[in-house]
């Protein structure tokens, strides 16, 4: 299911204002899964983070958050500095661990080009 099930289906291309993925499905944001083809011109990609997973230390959590941004830049998304978190949502007074990537079709090609020139080589390391 999910993003992979929609890949290659023309009727879904450019149909989504928002795509949400769980932390277990964050890998579907990798370029080869074609998530960017599903997005409307000014869409948002929301990824659940790992903030409250007890078996991860601070470095592993920071690495995961960094990876979300890296995946996003590979799709042509940017992170709005200071607004990476989805605003407002809480559960029992605790902020929801949701990270936001912003997709702007007009800027996407430049973001991907820069990513390819400077970060794409890191793909093997990002795994």
Protein backbone atom coordinates (compact mmCIF):
# COMPACT_ATOMS: atom_id res chain seq x y z
CA UNK A 1 0.00 0.00 0.00
CA UNK A 2 0.86 3.61 0.51
CA UNK A 3 2.99 5.68 -1.84
CA UNK A 4 4.37 2.65 -3.67
CA UNK A 5 0.85 1.46 -4.57
CA UNK A 6 0.14 4.83 -6.21
CA UNK A 7 3.39 5.05 -8.13
CA UNK A 8 2.85 5.09 -11.87
CA UNK A 9 -0.92 5.62 -11.65
CA UNK A 10 -1.53 8.75 -13.70
CA UNK A 11 -4.85 9.62 -12.09
CA UNK A 12 -3.06 10.29 -8.79
CA UNK A 13 -0.27 12.46 -10.24
CA UNK A 14 -0.44 15.97 -8.81
CA UNK A 15 -3.45 15.07 -6.65
CA UNK A 16 -2.28 15.47 -3.07
CA UNK A 17 -2.10 18.63 -0.96
CA UNK A 18 -0.69 16.63 1.96
CA UNK A 19 1.08 13.30 2.24
CA UNK A 20 1.68 11.85 5.69
CA UNK A 21 4.04 9.00 6.50
CA UNK A 22 4.84 7.23 9.73
CA UNK A 23 8.38 6.96 11.02
CA UNK A 24 8.38 3.31 9.92
CA UNK A 25 7.52 4.40 6.37
CA UNK A 26 9.91 7.36 6.12
CA UNK A 27 11.94 5.42 3.54
CA UNK A 28 9.04 5.94 1.10
CA UNK A 29 10.18 9.55 0.86
CA UNK A 30 13.27 8.40 -1.03
CA UNK A 31 13.35 9.76 -4.58
CA UNK A 32 12.93 6.43 -6.28
CA UNK A 33 9.48 5.94 -4.74
CA UNK A 34 8.12 8.87 -6.79
CA UNK A 35 6.31 10.63 -3.97
CA UNK A 36 7.00 14.01 -5.60
CA UNK A 37 4.89 13.06 -8.64
CA UNK A 38 1.84 12.73 -6.40
CA UNK A 39 2.13 16.23 -4.92
CA UNK A 40 0.21 19.31 -5.99
CA UNK A 41 2.17 22.48 -6.72
CA UNK A 42 2.19 23.76 -3.13
CA UNK A 43 1.93 20.64 -1.02
CA UNK A 44 3.13 19.55 2.40
CA UNK A 45 4.77 16.28 3.33
CA UNK A 46 4.39 15.34 7.00
CA UNK A 47 6.57 12.67 8.55
CA UNK A 48 6.17 11.26 12.03
CA UNK A 49 9.44 11.53 13.92
CA UNK A 50 11.03 9.28 16.49
CA UNK A 51 11.02 11.74 19.39
CA UNK A 52 9.34 9.39 21.83
CA UNK A 53 10.95 6.09 20.90
CA UNK A 54 12.69 5.01 24.07
CA UNK A 55 15.23 2.72 22.44
CA UNK A 56 16.94 5.56 20.54
CA UNK A 57 19.48 7.95 22.00
CA UNK A 58 19.65 11.70 21.21
CA UNK A 59 22.15 11.22 18.37
CA UNK A 60 20.01 8.59 16.65
CA UNK A 61 16.94 10.83 16.96
CA UNK A 62 18.86 13.80 15.52
CA UNK A 63 20.11 11.60 12.67
CA UNK A 64 16.55 10.55 11.85
CA UNK A 65 15.37 14.16 11.74
CA UNK A 66 18.31 15.04 9.51
CA UNK A 67 17.41 12.13 7.24
CA UNK A 68 13.83 13.40 6.88
CA UNK A 69 15.22 16.71 5.59
CA UNK A 70 17.64 14.88 3.28
CA UNK A 71 14.85 12.74 1.80
CA UNK A 72 12.77 15.87 1.35
CA UNK A 73 15.48 17.79 -0.50
CA UNK A 74 15.83 14.79 -2.84
CA UNK A 75 12.13 15.23 -3.67
CA UNK A 76 12.43 18.98 -4.12
CA UNK A 77 11.01 19.88 -0.72
CA UNK A 78 12.37 22.45 1.69
CA UNK A 79 12.08 22.90 5.41
CA UNK A 80 10.74 26.22 6.61
CA UNK A 81 13.43 27.23 9.11
CA UNK A 82 11.91 27.37 12.56
CA UNK A 83 8.66 25.79 11.33
CA UNK A 84 9.81 22.22 10.75
CA UNK A 85 7.25 20.98 13.26
CA UNK A 86 3.58 20.72 12.45
CA UNK A 87 2.01 23.42 14.63
CA UNK A 88 -0.71 22.98 17.19
CA UNK A 89 -1.15 19.27 17.58
CA UNK A 90 -0.72 17.73 21.00
CA UNK A 91 -1.72 14.54 22.76
CA UNK A 92 -2.12 14.79 26.52
CA UNK A 93 -0.32 18.13 26.36
CA UNK A 94 2.74 16.69 24.61
CA UNK A 95 3.57 18.03 21.11
CA UNK A 96 3.05 15.51 18.34
CA UNK A 97 6.34 14.42 16.77
CA UNK A 98 5.49 15.51 13.25
CA UNK A 99 7.93 17.14 10.84
CA UNK A 100 6.84 19.19 7.87
CA UNK A 101 8.45 19.44 4.45
CA UNK A 102 7.16 22.04 2.00
CA UNK A 103 6.91 21.22 -1.70
CA UNK A 104 6.78 24.12 -4.16
CA UNK A 105 6.80 22.85 -7.73
CA UNK A 106 8.37 26.09 -9.01
CA UNK A 107 11.35 25.73 -6.64
CA UNK A 108 11.57 21.93 -6.68
CA UNK A 109 13.88 21.55 -9.68
CA UNK A 110 16.43 23.96 -8.19
CA UNK A 111 16.29 22.17 -4.82
CA UNK A 112 16.79 18.77 -6.45
CA UNK A 113 19.62 20.09 -8.64
CA UNK A 114 21.43 21.50 -5.62
CA UNK A 115 20.78 18.25 -3.71
CA UNK A 116 22.23 16.22 -6.60
CA UNK A 117 25.32 18.44 -6.74
CA UNK A 118 26.02 18.54 -3.02
CA UNK A 119 24.21 15.76 -1.16
CA UNK A 120 23.25 12.97 -3.52
CA UNK A 121 26.62 11.27 -3.00
CA UNK A 122 25.64 10.85 0.65
CA UNK A 123 22.85 8.48 -0.45
CA UNK A 124 24.88 5.37 0.31
CA UNK A 125 25.60 6.70 3.79
CA UNK A 126 21.98 7.71 4.43
CA UNK A 127 20.78 4.19 3.48
